[in-house]
Amino acid sequence: MIRKLVLGVMVVLAAASVRHADADILFVEDWNTGSIDSGKWTLQSVGGGPFVFDLGAAGLGPSGDYGLFLRDASFTYTAGVRSTSSFARNAGPDGVKASFKLLRDQGTSLDFTSVGGPWTKTDAPSGALSDLEDIEAGISTNQPNGNTYYVENAPAGNNWATTPLSSAFFTAFANATSKASALDVSVTLGPSTGALIEWSVNGGPTTIEFDTIGLNAGDNWGGANRVSDLTPVRLFFGGVGNGTSFASAVIDDIVVESVPEPMMSWAVGLGIVTLAMIRRRARRYLV
């Protein structure tokens, strides 16, 4: 009987361990040095932006907590920050994920507020509207029609505003006027193709907006969007609004991590069943 119990415990431990390594943290940025680190970012500064600012001084969060304000008063579509490091899609078995907090300043309108990322397919500005046309996967911009747009494998020209995010996302973004009400956004690139965009607010339920991971590279979906497949990629965040009449997007607490494969469901089930058997046999043995 003791031998059977030991065997059962070994089976449970083996089942519980059938999983891959935890996510590896590849990059972190909270801006709390009070400046844009040239070792981590290439700054493309035009028209007064982007810049790092104390959220407390702007009435957006606690004092000493800094964020990146995305502004471009000249509408150049080139102002932003680009990571000096690149990241492989297959950094983890299930891809690579960029997470960040998204809020906005308390401007009069959300019109033309842009994010431009988090993932870019170039290492320097390229398109005529590079902040929008160079997106590999991410949020492009908010438009006066009341929509916030998502882009994957951005096409050239004016096709970057054809696939709106949900009205729930737009409402949450419009209400995100403080760090406490910020959206927690993540965009995962599949290890070979596609992307997944998710968001939540304040630890609430997670909403999946779009998921093209595993689809055929280059296939059209959601208007002019195409299934992405480029690697390596870089982080990018950029502003296109004029920075005075309209609100600026604010980016904070960026984390890039590899995505491990999840624990296999059959192993979890086997562990639960085996544990139940051990408990029953142990009770019999002790009685």
Protein backbone atom coordinates (compact mmCIF):
# COMPACT_ATOMS: atom_id res chain seq x y z
CA MET A 1 0.00 0.00 0.00
CA ILE A 2 2.80 2.44 0.87
CA ARG A 3 4.40 1.66 -2.49
CA LYS A 4 1.16 2.52 -4.28
CA LEU A 5 0.86 5.80 -2.41
CA VAL A 6 4.40 6.78 -3.33
CA LEU A 7 3.75 5.87 -6.96
CA GLY A 8 0.59 7.99 -6.91
CA VAL A 9 2.42 10.99 -5.50
CA MET A 10 5.08 10.63 -8.21
CA VAL A 11 2.41 10.59 -10.92
CA VAL A 12 0.79 13.75 -9.51
CA LEU A 13 4.13 15.55 -9.38
CA ALA A 14 4.96 14.50 -12.93
CA ALA A 15 1.56 15.65 -14.19
CA ALA A 16 1.89 19.00 -12.44
CA SER A 17 5.32 19.54 -13.97
CA VAL A 18 4.24 18.95 -17.58
CA ARG A 19 4.51 22.58 -18.60
CA HIS A 20 7.09 24.74 -20.26
CA ALA A 21 9.24 27.39 -18.66
CA ASP A 22 7.62 30.55 -17.33
CA ALA A 23 7.63 33.70 -19.42
CA ASP A 24 10.96 35.46 -19.71
CA ILE A 25 10.87 39.23 -19.17
CA LEU A 26 12.74 40.75 -22.13
CA PHE A 27 12.19 44.48 -21.63
CA VAL A 28 10.74 46.85 -19.01
CA GLU A 29 10.13 50.61 -19.09
CA ASP A 30 8.32 52.78 -16.52
CA TRP A 31 9.96 56.15 -17.43
CA ASN A 32 10.56 56.88 -13.73
CA THR A 33 14.10 58.08 -14.38
CA GLY A 34 12.31 61.19 -15.67
CA SER A 35 13.84 60.97 -19.14
CA ILE A 36 13.88 58.90 -22.32
CA ASP A 37 16.85 56.53 -22.04
CA SER A 38 18.90 56.71 -25.25
CA GLY A 39 20.24 53.26 -24.51
CA LYS A 40 16.72 51.83 -24.76
CA TRP A 41 14.97 54.21 -27.17
CA THR A 42 15.63 56.15 -30.34
CA LEU A 43 13.80 59.44 -29.91
CA GLN A 44 12.12 60.92 -32.98
CA SER A 45 11.19 64.34 -31.65
CA VAL A 46 9.13 66.66 -33.85
CA GLY A 47 6.79 69.49 -32.92
CA GLY A 48 7.46 69.25 -29.19
CA GLY A 49 6.94 65.56 -28.70
CA PRO A 50 7.04 62.97 -27.43
CA PHE A 51 8.24 63.69 -23.92
CA VAL A 52 8.28 62.22 -20.40
CA PHE A 53 6.27 64.01 -17.70
CA ASP A 54 5.34 63.54 -14.06
CA LEU A 55 1.78 62.20 -14.05
CA GLY A 56 1.18 63.87 -10.70
CA ALA A 57 2.03 67.30 -12.13
CA ALA A 58 -0.47 66.69 -14.94
CA GLY A 59 -3.21 65.51 -12.58
CA LEU A 60 -3.13 62.02 -14.08
CA GLY A 61 -1.57 60.00 -11.27
CA PRO A 62 0.64 60.03 -8.19
CA SER A 63 3.56 62.41 -7.95
CA GLY A 64 6.83 60.85 -9.04
CA ASP A 65 5.16 58.41 -11.43
CA TYR A 66 6.26 59.36 -14.94
CA GLY A 67 4.64 58.53 -18.27
CA LEU A 68 5.34 59.08 -21.97
CA PHE A 69 3.16 61.77 -23.58
CA LEU A 70 2.69 61.25 -27.33
CA ARG A 71 2.41 64.61 -29.08
CA ASP A 72 3.25 65.96 -32.52
CA ALA A 73 2.04 69.53 -32.96
CA SER A 74 3.24 69.63 -36.57
CA PHE A 75 1.39 66.53 -37.87
CA THR A 76 4.60 65.07 -39.31
CA TYR A 77 3.57 61.46 -38.53
CA THR A 78 7.18 60.71 -37.56
CA ALA A 79 7.37 61.77 -33.88
CA GLY A 80 7.78 58.88 -31.48
CA VAL A 81 10.09 56.50 -29.63
CA ARG A 82 11.49 53.31 -31.11
CA SER A 83 13.25 50.61 -29.12
CA THR A 84 16.92 50.15 -29.82
CA SER A 85 16.41 46.43 -29.20
CA SER A 86 14.57 44.13 -31.55
CA PHE A 87 12.48 41.12 -30.56
CA ALA A 88 11.87 37.80 -32.29
CA ARG A 89 8.34 36.53 -32.79
CA ASN A 90 9.40 33.13 -31.53
CA ALA A 91 10.99 34.48 -28.35
CA GLY A 92 8.67 31.99 -26.62
CA PRO A 93 6.93 28.85 -27.91
CA ASP A 94 3.68 30.83 -28.21
CA GLY A 95 5.24 34.11 -29.33
CA VAL A 96 6.18 37.45 -27.77
CA LYS A 97 3.89 39.87 -25.93
CA ALA A 98 4.07 43.60 -25.26
CA SER A 99 1.90 44.95 -22.43
CA PHE A 100 1.43 48.57 -21.40
CA LYS A 101 -0.90 50.98 -19.66
CA LEU A 102 -2.77 53.36 -21.94
CA LEU A 103 -4.40 56.57 -20.77
CA ARG A 104 -4.88 60.05 -22.14
CA ASP A 105 -4.51 63.60 -20.99
CA GLN A 106 -7.55 65.66 -20.19
CA GLY A 107 -7.76 67.51 -23.53
CA THR A 108 -11.03 68.64 -25.00
CA SER A 109 -11.27 65.92 -27.61
CA LEU A 110 -9.95 62.43 -28.27
CA ASP A 111 -9.72 63.22 -32.00
CA PHE A 112 -6.40 62.28 -33.63
CA THR A 113 -5.02 60.86 -30.38
CA SER A 114 -2.68 58.09 -31.50
CA VAL A 115 -0.64 55.24 -30.08
CA GLY A 116 1.21 54.00 -33.16
CA GLY A 117 2.12 50.66 -31.63
CA PRO A 118 3.33 48.76 -29.71
CA TRP A 119 4.93 46.78 -32.58
CA THR A 120 6.61 48.32 -35.61
CA LYS A 121 7.98 46.50 -38.63
CA THR A 122 10.83 48.93 -39.35
CA ASP A 123 13.94 50.24 -37.59
CA ALA A 124 13.43 53.79 -38.95
CA PRO A 125 10.50 55.87 -40.28
CA SER A 126 9.57 54.76 -43.79
CA GLY A 127 6.06 55.52 -45.08
CA ALA A 128 4.53 58.87 -45.97
CA LEU A 129 2.58 58.55 -42.71
CA SER A 130 5.20 56.44 -40.99
CA ASP A 131 3.65 56.43 -37.50
CA LEU A 132 0.61 54.73 -39.01
CA GLU A 133 1.97 52.86 -42.02
CA ASP A 134 4.88 51.16 -40.23
CA ILE A 135 2.74 49.34 -37.65
CA GLU A 136 3.21 45.57 -37.53
CA ALA A 137 0.49 45.15 -34.91
CA GLY A 138 -1.08 47.76 -32.68
CA ILE A 139 -3.40 50.70 -32.16
CA SER A 140 -3.08 53.39 -34.79
CA THR A 141 -5.21 56.44 -34.00
CA ASN A 142 -8.53 57.78 -32.84
CA GLN A 143 -10.52 59.61 -35.50
CA PRO A 144 -13.25 62.30 -35.31
CA ASN A 145 -15.80 59.65 -36.39
CA GLY A 146 -15.69 58.22 -32.86
CA ASN A 147 -13.61 55.15 -33.62
CA THR A 148 -10.22 53.96 -32.41
CA TYR A 149 -8.45 51.87 -35.03
CA TYR A 150 -6.30 48.74 -34.92
CA VAL A 151 -3.73 47.88 -37.59
CA GLU A 152 -1.89 44.69 -38.43
CA ASN A 153 0.78 44.56 -41.13
CA ALA A 154 -0.17 48.12 -42.03
CA PRO A 155 -0.72 48.77 -45.74
CA ALA A 156 0.47 51.95 -47.40
CA GLY A 157 -1.70 54.99 -48.07
CA ASN A 158 -4.79 55.85 -46.07
CA ASN A 159 -5.84 52.28 -45.28
CA TRP A 160 -4.74 52.39 -41.64
CA ALA A 161 -8.23 53.40 -40.43
CA THR A 162 -10.43 50.59 -41.74
CA THR A 163 -10.67 48.24 -38.74
CA PRO A 164 -12.11 49.90 -35.63
CA LEU A 165 -11.75 48.48 -32.16
CA SER A 166 -14.98 47.90 -30.24
CA SER A 167 -17.15 50.70 -28.92
CA ALA A 168 -16.33 49.38 -25.43
CA PHE A 169 -12.64 50.05 -26.10
CA PHE A 170 -13.39 53.55 -27.37
CA THR A 171 -15.46 54.33 -24.27
CA ALA A 172 -12.78 52.96 -21.93
CA PHE A 173 -10.10 54.98 -23.73
CA ALA A 174 -12.21 58.13 -23.55
CA ASN A 175 -12.64 57.59 -19.79
CA ALA A 176 -8.97 56.75 -19.15
CA THR A 177 -8.02 60.20 -17.85
CA SER A 178 -5.93 58.94 -14.93
CA LYS A 179 -3.52 56.14 -14.11
CA ALA A 180 -6.24 54.56 -11.98
CA SER A 181 -8.59 54.31 -14.98
CA ALA A 182 -5.92 53.34 -17.52
CA LEU A 183 -6.41 50.48 -19.93
CA ASP A 184 -4.10 47.49 -19.57
CA VAL A 185 -3.37 46.61 -23.20
CA SER A 186 -1.38 43.68 -24.53
CA VAL A 187 -0.53 42.76 -28.11
CA THR A 188 0.90 39.28 -28.66
CA LEU A 189 2.65 38.30 -31.88
CA GLY A 190 2.30 34.65 -32.79
CA PRO A 191 5.57 32.70 -33.15
CA SER A 192 5.16 32.61 -36.93
CA THR A 193 2.07 34.62 -37.96
CA GLY A 194 -0.71 36.82 -36.65
CA ALA A 195 -1.40 38.86 -33.54
CA LEU A 196 -3.74 38.98 -30.56
CA ILE A 197 -4.88 42.23 -28.94
CA GLU A 198 -6.44 42.18 -25.46
CA TRP A 199 -7.35 44.81 -22.86
CA SER A 200 -8.88 45.29 -19.43
CA VAL A 201 -9.37 48.07 -16.88
CA ASN A 202 -8.42 47.91 -13.21
CA GLY A 203 -8.11 44.15 -13.08
CA GLY A 204 -11.54 43.68 -14.62
CA PRO A 205 -12.48 41.14 -17.28
CA THR A 206 -10.20 40.84 -20.29
CA THR A 207 -11.61 41.59 -23.74
CA ILE A 208 -10.08 39.98 -26.81
CA GLU A 209 -10.50 42.36 -29.73
CA PHE A 210 -8.82 40.50 -32.60
CA ASP A 211 -6.91 37.23 -32.87
CA THR A 212 -5.21 36.23 -36.14
CA ILE A 213 -2.45 34.06 -34.66
CA GLY A 214 -1.77 31.07 -36.89
CA LEU A 215 -3.61 32.39 -39.97
CA ASN A 216 -1.88 32.50 -43.33
CA ALA A 217 0.68 35.29 -43.64
CA GLY A 218 -0.45 38.17 -45.82
CA ASP A 219 -4.13 37.19 -45.94
CA ASN A 220 -6.49 40.16 -45.82
CA TRP A 221 -8.85 40.51 -42.88
CA GLY A 222 -10.86 43.35 -41.31
CA GLY A 223 -10.64 45.75 -44.23
CA ALA A 224 -7.10 46.42 -45.44
CA ASN A 225 -5.35 44.62 -42.59
CA ARG A 226 -3.14 41.67 -43.47
CA VAL A 227 -1.96 38.80 -41.29
CA SER A 228 1.47 39.78 -39.99
CA ASP A 229 4.59 37.62 -40.09
CA LEU A 230 7.66 39.88 -39.96
CA THR A 231 10.46 39.18 -37.50
CA PRO A 232 12.31 40.65 -35.76
CA VAL A 233 10.19 43.62 -34.68
CA ARG A 234 10.70 46.67 -32.49
CA LEU A 235 8.61 48.62 -30.04
CA PHE A 236 7.24 51.94 -31.25
CA PHE A 237 4.86 54.55 -29.83
CA GLY A 238 4.09 57.74 -31.72
CA GLY A 239 1.77 60.72 -31.77
CA VAL A 240 0.03 62.42 -34.69
CA GLY A 241 -2.33 64.86 -32.98
CA ASN A 242 -1.53 68.55 -32.69
CA GLY A 243 -1.01 68.32 -28.94
CA THR A 244 -2.97 71.45 -28.08
CA SER A 245 -6.59 71.20 -29.22
CA PHE A 246 -6.73 67.44 -28.83
CA ALA A 247 -5.77 64.94 -26.16
CA SER A 248 -2.47 63.09 -26.06
CA ALA A 249 -2.13 59.37 -25.48
CA VAL A 250 0.02 58.49 -22.46
CA ILE A 251 2.01 55.25 -22.32
CA ASP A 252 3.38 53.73 -19.12
CA ASP A 253 4.62 50.48 -17.54
CA ILE A 254 5.75 48.67 -20.68
CA VAL A 255 6.69 45.00 -20.35
CA VAL A 256 7.83 42.69 -23.15
CA GLU A 257 7.90 38.97 -22.41
CA SER A 258 8.15 35.64 -24.15
CA VAL A 259 4.95 33.58 -24.21
CA PRO A 260 5.35 29.99 -22.94
CA GLU A 261 3.05 27.16 -23.90
CA PRO A 262 0.27 26.63 -21.33
CA MET A 263 0.13 23.62 -19.06
CA MET A 264 -1.34 20.70 -20.97
CA SER A 265 -4.97 20.19 -19.96
CA TRP A 266 -4.70 16.39 -19.94
CA ALA A 267 -1.86 16.60 -17.43
CA VAL A 268 -3.90 18.78 -15.10
CA GLY A 269 -6.83 16.38 -15.34
CA LEU A 270 -4.62 13.37 -14.69
CA GLY A 271 -3.15 15.06 -11.65
CA ILE A 272 -6.58 15.80 -10.17
CA VAL A 273 -7.87 12.26 -10.74
CA THR A 274 -4.72 10.69 -9.32
CA LEU A 275 -4.77 12.92 -6.26
CA ALA A 276 -8.36 11.88 -5.56
CA MET A 277 -7.36 8.21 -5.79
CA ILE A 278 -4.46 8.75 -3.38
CA ARG A 279 -6.73 10.43 -0.84
CA ARG A 280 -9.25 7.59 -0.97
CA ARG A 281 -6.55 4.92 -0.60
CA ALA A 282 -4.83 6.84 2.16
CA ARG A 283 -8.07 7.03 4.17
CA ARG A 284 -8.55 3.27 3.75
CA TYR A 285 -4.98 2.58 4.83
CA LEU A 286 -5.17 4.81 7.89
CA VAL A 287 -8.48 3.26 9.02
